[in-house]
Amino acid sequence: MADTFSDTARGILAKRVIAHVATLGTDGSPHVTPVWVLLEGDEIVINTALGRAKARDLANDSRVAISMTDPDDDYSVIALRGTVSAFTTDGADEVIDRMAKKYMGLDTYPHRQEGEVRVTVRIRVERIVRQPA
């Protein structure tokens, strides 16, 4: 049975918290990237662009680990383990715009690159560790 998010963890995820996502390369080597996150229901949502290392890694191996520190309390940390439940370009531009609103206060993500194809990754969380507990 998967762990569930506490009210405290949900509160941290509602903030402009930067998460660090760890993926595995095809050779098994770890890759860690800072990302914006949304919590939708009990799934973590991230957004990237096709062709980037984390997109390639997650398309190849669905296992992921995520950690984040409460931006208002350096000693309040959440660490998660899970698997990719969805990997899609459908609606991905709208998702990055919602993230831009949360993180930048802007209606539209301003750093799009010409020809870039955005992808939304939904992560089903299996294990949650919060420190302090």
N, C-alpha and C. Protein backbone atom coordinates (compact mmCIF):
# COMPACT_ATOMS: atom_id res chain seq x y z
N MET A 1 0.84 -1.19 0.00
CA MET A 1 0.00 0.00 0.00
C MET A 1 0.88 1.25 0.00
N ALA A 2 0.56 2.21 -0.84
CA ALA A 2 1.34 3.43 -0.96
C ALA A 2 1.11 4.34 0.25
N ASP A 3 2.15 5.09 0.60
CA ASP A 3 2.02 6.10 1.64
C ASP A 3 1.11 7.22 1.14
N THR A 4 0.54 7.99 2.07
CA THR A 4 -0.28 9.13 1.70
C THR A 4 0.34 10.41 2.25
N PHE A 5 0.03 11.51 1.61
CA PHE A 5 0.57 12.80 2.02
C PHE A 5 -0.14 13.32 3.25
N SER A 6 0.63 13.74 4.24
CA SER A 6 0.06 14.39 5.42
C SER A 6 -0.34 15.82 5.04
N ASP A 7 -1.13 16.45 5.90
CA ASP A 7 -1.49 17.85 5.66
C ASP A 7 -0.24 18.72 5.62
N THR A 8 0.75 18.41 6.47
CA THR A 8 1.99 19.18 6.49
C THR A 8 2.74 19.04 5.17
N ALA A 9 2.84 17.81 4.66
CA ALA A 9 3.52 17.58 3.38
C ALA A 9 2.78 18.30 2.25
N ARG A 10 1.46 18.24 2.26
CA ARG A 10 0.67 18.93 1.23
C ARG A 10 0.91 20.44 1.31
N GLY A 11 1.04 20.96 2.53
CA GLY A 11 1.32 22.38 2.72
C GLY A 11 2.66 22.78 2.12
N ILE A 12 3.67 21.95 2.31
CA ILE A 12 4.99 22.23 1.74
C ILE A 12 4.92 22.22 0.22
N LEU A 13 4.24 21.23 -0.34
CA LEU A 13 4.13 21.12 -1.79
C LEU A 13 3.32 22.26 -2.40
N ALA A 14 2.47 22.90 -1.63
CA ALA A 14 1.70 24.03 -2.13
C ALA A 14 2.56 25.28 -2.27
N LYS A 15 3.71 25.28 -1.59
CA LYS A 15 4.62 26.43 -1.64
C LYS A 15 5.46 26.38 -2.91
N ARG A 16 6.26 27.40 -3.11
CA ARG A 16 7.18 27.46 -4.26
C ARG A 16 8.44 26.66 -3.95
N VAL A 17 8.26 25.41 -3.56
CA VAL A 17 9.37 24.54 -3.20
C VAL A 17 10.04 24.00 -4.47
N ILE A 18 11.36 24.00 -4.45
CA ILE A 18 12.12 23.38 -5.54
C ILE A 18 12.40 21.94 -5.12
N ALA A 19 12.03 21.02 -5.99
CA ALA A 19 12.26 19.60 -5.71
C ALA A 19 13.48 19.14 -6.50
N HIS A 20 14.14 18.12 -6.00
CA HIS A 20 15.26 17.50 -6.71
C HIS A 20 14.82 16.10 -7.10
N VAL A 21 14.78 15.86 -8.41
CA VAL A 21 14.31 14.59 -8.95
C VAL A 21 15.52 13.76 -9.38
N ALA A 22 15.57 12.54 -8.86
CA ALA A 22 16.63 11.60 -9.23
C ALA A 22 16.07 10.54 -10.15
N THR A 23 16.72 10.39 -11.30
CA THR A 23 16.34 9.38 -12.28
C THR A 23 17.55 8.47 -12.53
N LEU A 24 17.32 7.41 -13.28
CA LEU A 24 18.40 6.48 -13.61
C LEU A 24 18.63 6.45 -15.11
N GLY A 25 19.89 6.63 -15.51
CA GLY A 25 20.25 6.57 -16.92
C GLY A 25 20.23 5.13 -17.42
N THR A 26 20.37 4.95 -18.72
CA THR A 26 20.35 3.61 -19.29
C THR A 26 21.49 2.74 -18.78
N ASP A 27 22.58 3.37 -18.33
CA ASP A 27 23.70 2.62 -17.76
C ASP A 27 23.57 2.46 -16.25
N GLY A 28 22.44 2.92 -15.68
CA GLY A 28 22.21 2.81 -14.24
C GLY A 28 22.74 3.96 -13.43
N SER A 29 23.38 4.92 -14.07
CA SER A 29 23.94 6.05 -13.32
C SER A 29 22.83 7.01 -12.92
N PRO A 30 22.94 7.59 -11.72
CA PRO A 30 21.91 8.52 -11.25
C PRO A 30 22.06 9.89 -11.91
N HIS A 31 20.94 10.57 -12.03
CA HIS A 31 20.89 11.93 -12.58
C HIS A 31 19.92 12.71 -11.70
N VAL A 32 20.36 13.83 -11.15
CA VAL A 32 19.52 14.64 -10.26
C VAL A 32 19.33 16.02 -10.88
N THR A 33 18.08 16.48 -10.88
CA THR A 33 17.73 17.75 -11.48
C THR A 33 16.76 18.52 -10.58
N PRO A 34 16.98 19.83 -10.37
CA PRO A 34 15.98 20.63 -9.65
C PRO A 34 14.79 20.90 -10.58
N VAL A 35 13.58 20.79 -10.03
CA VAL A 35 12.37 20.98 -10.84
C VAL A 35 11.29 21.68 -10.03
N TRP A 36 10.35 22.25 -10.76
CA TRP A 36 9.10 22.73 -10.17
C TRP A 36 8.18 21.53 -10.03
N VAL A 37 7.31 21.56 -9.03
CA VAL A 37 6.38 20.46 -8.81
C VAL A 37 4.98 20.96 -8.50
N LEU A 38 4.02 20.15 -8.89
CA LEU A 38 2.63 20.33 -8.49
C LEU A 38 2.19 19.03 -7.81
N LEU A 39 1.27 19.15 -6.90
CA LEU A 39 0.63 17.97 -6.31
C LEU A 39 -0.80 17.96 -6.81
N GLU A 40 -1.17 16.90 -7.52
CA GLU A 40 -2.53 16.75 -8.02
C GLU A 40 -3.06 15.45 -7.45
N GLY A 41 -4.01 15.57 -6.53
CA GLY A 41 -4.50 14.39 -5.83
C GLY A 41 -3.37 13.84 -5.00
N ASP A 42 -2.98 12.61 -5.27
CA ASP A 42 -1.86 11.99 -4.56
C ASP A 42 -0.67 11.75 -5.48
N GLU A 43 -0.63 12.46 -6.61
CA GLU A 43 0.49 12.30 -7.54
C GLU A 43 1.28 13.59 -7.66
N ILE A 44 2.59 13.43 -7.81
CA ILE A 44 3.48 14.55 -8.09
C ILE A 44 3.48 14.76 -9.60
N VAL A 45 3.46 16.01 -10.02
CA VAL A 45 3.50 16.34 -11.44
C VAL A 45 4.74 17.20 -11.69
N ILE A 46 5.54 16.79 -12.66
CA ILE A 46 6.66 17.60 -13.11
C ILE A 46 6.51 17.81 -14.61
N ASN A 47 7.29 18.72 -15.16
CA ASN A 47 7.20 19.03 -16.58
C ASN A 47 8.63 19.26 -17.08
N THR A 48 8.92 18.74 -18.25
CA THR A 48 10.24 18.91 -18.84
C THR A 48 10.06 18.99 -20.35
N ALA A 49 11.16 18.89 -21.07
CA ALA A 49 11.09 18.90 -22.52
C ALA A 49 11.66 17.59 -23.06
N LEU A 50 11.06 17.10 -24.13
CA LEU A 50 11.59 15.90 -24.77
C LEU A 50 13.03 16.16 -25.19
N GLY A 51 13.86 15.14 -25.06
CA GLY A 51 15.27 15.26 -25.41
C GLY A 51 16.17 15.53 -24.23
N ARG A 52 15.61 16.00 -23.13
CA ARG A 52 16.41 16.24 -21.93
C ARG A 52 16.67 14.92 -21.21
N ALA A 53 17.74 14.90 -20.40
CA ALA A 53 18.15 13.66 -19.72
C ALA A 53 17.03 13.08 -18.88
N LYS A 54 16.35 13.91 -18.08
CA LYS A 54 15.32 13.33 -17.20
C LYS A 54 14.16 12.76 -18.00
N ALA A 55 13.82 13.39 -19.13
CA ALA A 55 12.76 12.84 -19.99
C ALA A 55 13.19 11.49 -20.57
N ARG A 56 14.42 11.42 -21.06
CA ARG A 56 14.92 10.15 -21.60
C ARG A 56 14.96 9.08 -20.52
N ASP A 57 15.49 9.46 -19.33
CA ASP A 57 15.61 8.50 -18.23
C ASP A 57 14.24 7.97 -17.82
N LEU A 58 13.27 8.87 -17.63
CA LEU A 58 11.95 8.45 -17.14
C LEU A 58 11.17 7.67 -18.19
N ALA A 59 11.43 7.92 -19.46
CA ALA A 59 10.79 7.12 -20.51
C ALA A 59 11.37 5.71 -20.53
N ASN A 60 12.62 5.57 -20.09
CA ASN A 60 13.31 4.28 -20.11
C ASN A 60 13.12 3.49 -18.81
N ASP A 61 13.10 4.18 -17.68
CA ASP A 61 13.00 3.53 -16.36
C ASP A 61 12.07 4.39 -15.51
N SER A 62 10.95 3.84 -15.12
CA SER A 62 9.91 4.63 -14.44
C SER A 62 10.20 4.93 -12.98
N ARG A 63 11.27 4.39 -12.43
CA ARG A 63 11.57 4.64 -11.01
C ARG A 63 12.15 6.04 -10.82
N VAL A 64 11.70 6.68 -9.74
CA VAL A 64 12.13 8.05 -9.46
C VAL A 64 12.18 8.28 -7.96
N ALA A 65 13.09 9.15 -7.55
CA ALA A 65 13.14 9.62 -6.16
C ALA A 65 13.12 11.14 -6.21
N ILE A 66 12.47 11.73 -5.21
CA ILE A 66 12.32 13.19 -5.16
C ILE A 66 12.57 13.63 -3.74
N SER A 67 13.30 14.73 -3.58
CA SER A 67 13.43 15.33 -2.26
C SER A 67 13.19 16.83 -2.37
N MET A 68 12.70 17.39 -1.29
CA MET A 68 12.47 18.84 -1.25
C MET A 68 12.56 19.32 0.18
N THR A 69 12.97 20.56 0.34
CA THR A 69 13.09 21.20 1.64
C THR A 69 12.11 22.35 1.71
N ASP A 70 11.37 22.44 2.80
CA ASP A 70 10.41 23.52 2.99
C ASP A 70 11.17 24.85 2.85
N PRO A 71 10.76 25.73 1.95
CA PRO A 71 11.47 26.99 1.77
C PRO A 71 11.41 27.90 3.00
N ASP A 72 10.50 27.60 3.93
CA ASP A 72 10.39 28.40 5.15
C ASP A 72 11.02 27.74 6.36
N ASP A 73 11.56 26.52 6.20
CA ASP A 73 12.16 25.79 7.31
C ASP A 73 13.17 24.80 6.77
N ASP A 74 14.45 25.17 6.81
CA ASP A 74 15.52 24.35 6.24
C ASP A 74 15.63 22.97 6.84
N TYR A 75 14.99 22.73 7.97
CA TYR A 75 15.08 21.44 8.63
C TYR A 75 13.84 20.58 8.42
N SER A 76 12.93 21.03 7.58
CA SER A 76 11.73 20.27 7.27
C SER A 76 11.87 19.74 5.83
N VAL A 77 12.05 18.43 5.72
CA VAL A 77 12.38 17.80 4.45
C VAL A 77 11.38 16.70 4.13
N ILE A 78 11.06 16.56 2.85
CA ILE A 78 10.23 15.45 2.37
C ILE A 78 11.05 14.69 1.34
N ALA A 79 11.10 13.39 1.46
CA ALA A 79 11.75 12.52 0.47
C ALA A 79 10.73 11.50 0.01
N LEU A 80 10.65 11.30 -1.30
CA LEU A 80 9.64 10.42 -1.89
C LEU A 80 10.30 9.42 -2.82
N ARG A 81 9.67 8.28 -2.96
CA ARG A 81 10.01 7.30 -3.99
C ARG A 81 8.74 6.94 -4.72
N GLY A 82 8.84 6.77 -6.02
CA GLY A 82 7.65 6.40 -6.77
C GLY A 82 7.99 5.94 -8.17
N THR A 83 6.93 5.83 -8.97
CA THR A 83 7.08 5.42 -10.36
C THR A 83 6.23 6.31 -11.26
N VAL A 84 6.64 6.44 -12.48
CA VAL A 84 5.91 7.24 -13.45
C VAL A 84 4.58 6.54 -13.76
N SER A 85 3.50 7.28 -13.62
CA SER A 85 2.17 6.74 -13.95
C SER A 85 1.66 7.28 -15.28
N ALA A 86 2.21 8.41 -15.73
CA ALA A 86 1.83 8.98 -17.03
C ALA A 86 2.99 9.82 -17.54
N PHE A 87 3.18 9.78 -18.85
CA PHE A 87 4.25 10.51 -19.54
C PHE A 87 3.64 10.96 -20.85
N THR A 88 3.28 12.26 -20.93
CA THR A 88 2.51 12.70 -22.09
C THR A 88 2.83 14.13 -22.50
N THR A 89 2.74 14.36 -23.79
CA THR A 89 2.87 15.72 -24.31
C THR A 89 1.51 16.42 -24.34
N ASP A 90 0.43 15.65 -24.25
CA ASP A 90 -0.92 16.23 -24.28
C ASP A 90 -1.12 17.15 -23.08
N GLY A 91 -1.41 18.42 -23.34
CA GLY A 91 -1.66 19.38 -22.28
C GLY A 91 -0.42 19.85 -21.55
N ALA A 92 0.76 19.45 -22.00
CA ALA A 92 1.99 19.79 -21.27
C ALA A 92 2.29 21.28 -21.29
N ASP A 93 1.94 21.99 -22.36
CA ASP A 93 2.15 23.43 -22.40
C ASP A 93 1.29 24.13 -21.35
N GLU A 94 0.07 23.66 -21.15
CA GLU A 94 -0.79 24.24 -20.13
C GLU A 94 -0.25 23.97 -18.73
N VAL A 95 0.33 22.80 -18.52
CA VAL A 95 0.89 22.46 -17.22
C VAL A 95 2.08 23.36 -16.90
N ILE A 96 2.99 23.58 -17.86
CA ILE A 96 4.13 24.45 -17.57
C ILE A 96 3.66 25.89 -17.34
N ASP A 97 2.58 26.30 -17.98
CA ASP A 97 2.02 27.63 -17.71
C ASP A 97 1.47 27.72 -16.28
N ARG A 98 0.81 26.66 -15.80
CA ARG A 98 0.33 26.66 -14.42
C ARG A 98 1.50 26.72 -13.44
N MET A 99 2.57 26.02 -13.78
CA MET A 99 3.77 26.05 -12.93
C MET A 99 4.40 27.44 -12.93
N ALA A 100 4.42 28.09 -14.09
CA ALA A 100 4.94 29.45 -14.17
C ALA A 100 4.12 30.40 -13.30
N LYS A 101 2.83 30.17 -13.24
CA LYS A 101 1.96 30.99 -12.38
C LYS A 101 2.34 30.77 -10.92
N LYS A 102 2.52 29.52 -10.51
CA LYS A 102 2.87 29.21 -9.12
C LYS A 102 4.24 29.75 -8.76
N TYR A 103 5.23 29.52 -9.60
CA TYR A 103 6.62 29.82 -9.26
C TYR A 103 7.08 31.22 -9.65
N MET A 104 6.48 31.80 -10.69
CA MET A 104 6.94 33.09 -11.18
C MET A 104 5.87 34.18 -11.13
N GLY A 105 4.63 33.77 -10.88
CA GLY A 105 3.54 34.75 -10.89
C GLY A 105 3.17 35.18 -12.30
N LEU A 106 3.56 34.40 -13.31
CA LEU A 106 3.29 34.73 -14.71
C LEU A 106 2.25 33.78 -15.29
N ASP A 107 1.44 34.29 -16.21
CA ASP A 107 0.42 33.45 -16.83
C ASP A 107 0.98 32.49 -17.87
N THR A 108 2.12 32.83 -18.44
CA THR A 108 2.72 32.02 -19.49
C THR A 108 4.19 31.77 -19.18
N TYR A 109 4.64 30.55 -19.35
CA TYR A 109 6.04 30.19 -19.13
C TYR A 109 6.91 30.95 -20.14
N PRO A 110 7.86 31.78 -19.65
CA PRO A 110 8.59 32.67 -20.56
C PRO A 110 9.85 32.07 -21.19
N HIS A 111 10.23 30.85 -20.84
CA HIS A 111 11.51 30.32 -21.31
C HIS A 111 11.38 29.21 -22.36
N ARG A 112 10.28 29.21 -23.07
CA ARG A 112 10.11 28.21 -24.13
C ARG A 112 11.19 28.41 -25.20
N GLN A 113 11.65 27.30 -25.73
CA GLN A 113 12.62 27.32 -26.82
C GLN A 113 11.92 26.94 -28.11
N GLU A 114 12.34 27.53 -29.21
CA GLU A 114 11.74 27.20 -30.50
C GLU A 114 11.90 25.70 -30.78
N GLY A 115 10.81 25.05 -31.16
CA GLY A 115 10.82 23.63 -31.48
C GLY A 115 10.74 22.72 -30.26
N GLU A 116 10.75 23.29 -29.08
CA GLU A 116 10.70 22.49 -27.84
C GLU A 116 9.34 21.82 -27.70
N VAL A 117 9.36 20.56 -27.31
CA VAL A 117 8.13 19.82 -27.05
C VAL A 117 8.11 19.50 -25.56
N ARG A 118 7.14 20.07 -24.87
CA ARG A 118 7.02 19.87 -23.42
C ARG A 118 6.37 18.51 -23.15
N VAL A 119 6.70 17.94 -22.01
CA VAL A 119 6.11 16.68 -21.58
C VAL A 119 5.79 16.78 -20.10
N THR A 120 4.63 16.28 -19.73
CA THR A 120 4.22 16.23 -18.34
C THR A 120 4.42 14.80 -17.84
N VAL A 121 5.02 14.71 -16.66
CA VAL A 121 5.27 13.42 -16.03
C VAL A 121 4.50 13.38 -14.72
N ARG A 122 3.64 12.38 -14.58
CA ARG A 122 2.90 12.17 -13.33
C ARG A 122 3.57 11.02 -12.60
N ILE A 123 3.78 11.21 -11.29
CA ILE A 123 4.49 10.23 -10.49
C ILE A 123 3.60 9.72 -9.37
N ARG A 124 3.38 8.41 -9.38
CA ARG A 124 2.63 7.75 -8.32
C ARG A 124 3.60 7.52 -7.17
N VAL A 125 3.31 8.13 -6.04
CA VAL A 125 4.20 8.05 -4.88
C VAL A 125 3.93 6.78 -4.10
N GLU A 126 5.00 6.05 -3.81
CA GLU A 126 4.88 4.79 -3.07
C GLU A 126 5.39 4.92 -1.64
N ARG A 127 6.38 5.76 -1.45
CA ARG A 127 6.98 5.92 -0.12
C ARG A 127 7.24 7.40 0.14
N ILE A 128 6.84 7.86 1.32
CA ILE A 128 7.05 9.25 1.74
C ILE A 128 7.74 9.23 3.09
N VAL A 129 8.84 9.96 3.20
CA VAL A 129 9.53 10.14 4.47
C VAL A 129 9.60 11.63 4.73
N ARG A 130 9.18 12.03 5.90
CA ARG A 130 9.21 13.45 6.27
C ARG A 130 10.08 13.60 7.50
N GLN A 131 11.00 14.57 7.46
CA GLN A 131 11.86 14.86 8.61
C GLN A 131 11.70 16.31 8.97
N PRO A 132 11.49 16.69 10.22
CA PRO A 132 11.23 15.71 11.29
C PRO A 132 9.90 15.04 11.08
N ALA A 133 9.78 13.82 11.59
CA ALA A 133 8.58 12.99 11.39
C ALA A 133 7.36 13.61 12.04
